[in-house]
């Protein structure tokens, strides 16, 4: 899975993936580079956000009531 750079910049800061907790030698790694397909929301600690929708890069974008950006 790979988002275009503009979309990747808009992914909610509360979206998490297990790759975020593995040492990466590549500078500039971000959530859109995750290949596991396993994501969760920091707010709920599960695969659904507070609004009941799936937590994944394509969905965790501006427009969702729970979306947060840096």
C-alpha atoms as a PDB file:
ATOM      1  CA  UNK A   1       0.000   0.000   0.000  1.00  0.00           C
ATOM      2  CA  UNK A   2       1.288   3.432  -0.859  1.00  0.00           C
ATOM      3  CA  UNK A   3      -0.415   6.809  -0.779  1.00  0.00           C
ATOM      4  CA  UNK A   4       0.581   9.725  -2.927  1.00  0.00           C
ATOM      5  CA  UNK A   5       2.785  12.242  -1.033  1.00  0.00           C
ATOM      6  CA  UNK A   6      -0.008  14.791  -0.623  1.00  0.00           C
ATOM      7  CA  UNK A   7      -2.404  12.228   0.847  1.00  0.00           C
ATOM      8  CA  UNK A   8       0.321  10.806   3.097  1.00  0.00           C
ATOM      9  CA  UNK A   9       0.903  14.265   4.584  1.00  0.00           C
ATOM     10  CA  UNK A  10      -2.787  14.464   5.555  1.00  0.00           C
ATOM     11  CA  UNK A  11      -2.996  11.127   7.413  1.00  0.00           C
ATOM     12  CA  UNK A  12      -4.192  11.553  11.008  1.00  0.00           C
ATOM     13  CA  UNK A  13      -1.377  11.731  13.543  1.00  0.00           C
ATOM     14  CA  UNK A  14      -3.236   9.230  15.760  1.00  0.00           C
ATOM     15  CA  UNK A  15      -3.056   6.393  13.227  1.00  0.00           C
ATOM     16  CA  UNK A  16      -0.571   3.705  14.235  1.00  0.00           C
ATOM     17  CA  UNK A  17       1.052   0.662  12.636  1.00  0.00           C
ATOM     18  CA  UNK A  18       3.448  -1.913  14.080  1.00  0.00           C
ATOM     19  CA  UNK A  19       6.171  -0.723  11.678  1.00  0.00           C
ATOM     20  CA  UNK A  20       6.304   2.528  13.652  1.00  0.00           C
ATOM     21  CA  UNK A  21       7.880   0.620  16.550  1.00  0.00           C
ATOM     22  CA  UNK A  22      10.595  -1.141  14.536  1.00  0.00           C
ATOM     23  CA  UNK A  23      13.934   0.570  13.968  1.00  0.00           C
ATOM     24  CA  UNK A  24      13.976   1.861  10.418  1.00  0.00           C
ATOM     25  CA  UNK A  25      17.225   2.740   8.670  1.00  0.00           C
ATOM     26  CA  UNK A  26      15.370   4.811   6.105  1.00  0.00           C
ATOM     27  CA  UNK A  27      15.006   8.491   7.017  1.00  0.00           C
ATOM     28  CA  UNK A  28      11.595  10.034   6.503  1.00  0.00           C
ATOM     29  CA  UNK A  29       9.579   6.841   7.025  1.00  0.00           C
ATOM     30  CA  UNK A  30       5.871   7.479   7.518  1.00  0.00           C
ATOM     31  CA  UNK A  31       2.653   5.528   8.097  1.00  0.00           C
ATOM     32  CA  UNK A  32       1.827   5.394   4.384  1.00  0.00           C
ATOM     33  CA  UNK A  33       4.825   3.082   3.874  1.00  0.00           C
ATOM     34  CA  UNK A  34       3.400   0.397   6.164  1.00  0.00           C
ATOM     35  CA  UNK A  35       2.946  -2.891   4.366  1.00  0.00           C
ATOM     36  CA  UNK A  36       1.404  -4.945   7.175  1.00  0.00           C
ATOM     37  CA  UNK A  37      -2.172  -3.781   6.595  1.00  0.00           C
ATOM     38  CA  UNK A  38      -2.603  -3.689  10.378  1.00  0.00           C
ATOM     39  CA  UNK A  39      -3.518  -0.248  11.708  1.00  0.00           C
ATOM     40  CA  UNK A  40      -5.131   1.081  14.853  1.00  0.00           C
ATOM     41  CA  UNK A  41      -6.297   4.389  16.265  1.00  0.00           C
ATOM     42  CA  UNK A  42      -4.530   5.882  19.267  1.00  0.00           C
ATOM     43  CA  UNK A  43      -7.865   7.204  20.561  1.00  0.00           C
ATOM     44  CA  UNK A  44      -9.614   3.825  20.700  1.00  0.00           C
ATOM     45  CA  UNK A  45      -6.641   1.413  20.691  1.00  0.00           C
ATOM     46  CA  UNK A  46      -8.377  -0.762  18.088  1.00  0.00           C
ATOM     47  CA  UNK A  47      -9.008  -0.902  14.345  1.00  0.00           C
ATOM     48  CA  UNK A  48     -11.925   1.550  14.505  1.00  0.00           C
ATOM     49  CA  UNK A  49     -11.697   5.262  15.153  1.00  0.00           C
ATOM     50  CA  UNK A  50     -13.954   7.119  17.624  1.00  0.00           C
ATOM     51  CA  UNK A  51     -16.428   7.679  14.788  1.00  0.00           C
ATOM     52  CA  UNK A  52     -16.784   3.912  14.224  1.00  0.00           C
ATOM     53  CA  UNK A  53     -15.021   3.927  10.854  1.00  0.00           C
ATOM     54  CA  UNK A  54     -11.991   1.771   9.975  1.00  0.00           C
ATOM     55  CA  UNK A  55      -8.598   3.185  10.934  1.00  0.00           C
ATOM     56  CA  UNK A  56      -6.330   2.975   7.867  1.00  0.00           C
ATOM     57  CA  UNK A  57      -4.370   5.541   5.845  1.00  0.00           C
ATOM     58  CA  UNK A  58      -6.996   5.878   3.111  1.00  0.00           C
ATOM     59  CA  UNK A  59      -9.731   6.615   5.670  1.00  0.00           C
ATOM     60  CA  UNK A  60      -7.846   8.607   8.318  1.00  0.00           C
ATOM     61  CA  UNK A  61      -7.854  11.835   6.338  1.00  0.00           C
ATOM     62  CA  UNK A  62      -9.175  15.371   6.789  1.00  0.00           C
ATOM     63  CA  UNK A  63     -12.944  15.450   7.010  1.00  0.00           C
ATOM     64  CA  UNK A  64     -13.338  12.845   9.739  1.00  0.00           C
ATOM     65  CA  UNK A  65     -14.542  14.266  13.045  1.00  0.00           C
ATOM     66  CA  UNK A  66     -11.631  12.634  14.902  1.00  0.00           C
ATOM     67  CA  UNK A  67      -8.882  13.640  12.419  1.00  0.00           C
ATOM     68  CA  UNK A  68      -5.818  15.335  13.936  1.00  0.00           C
ATOM     69  CA  UNK A  69      -2.882  16.752  12.045  1.00  0.00           C
ATOM     70  CA  UNK A  70       0.477  17.901  13.501  1.00  0.00           C
END
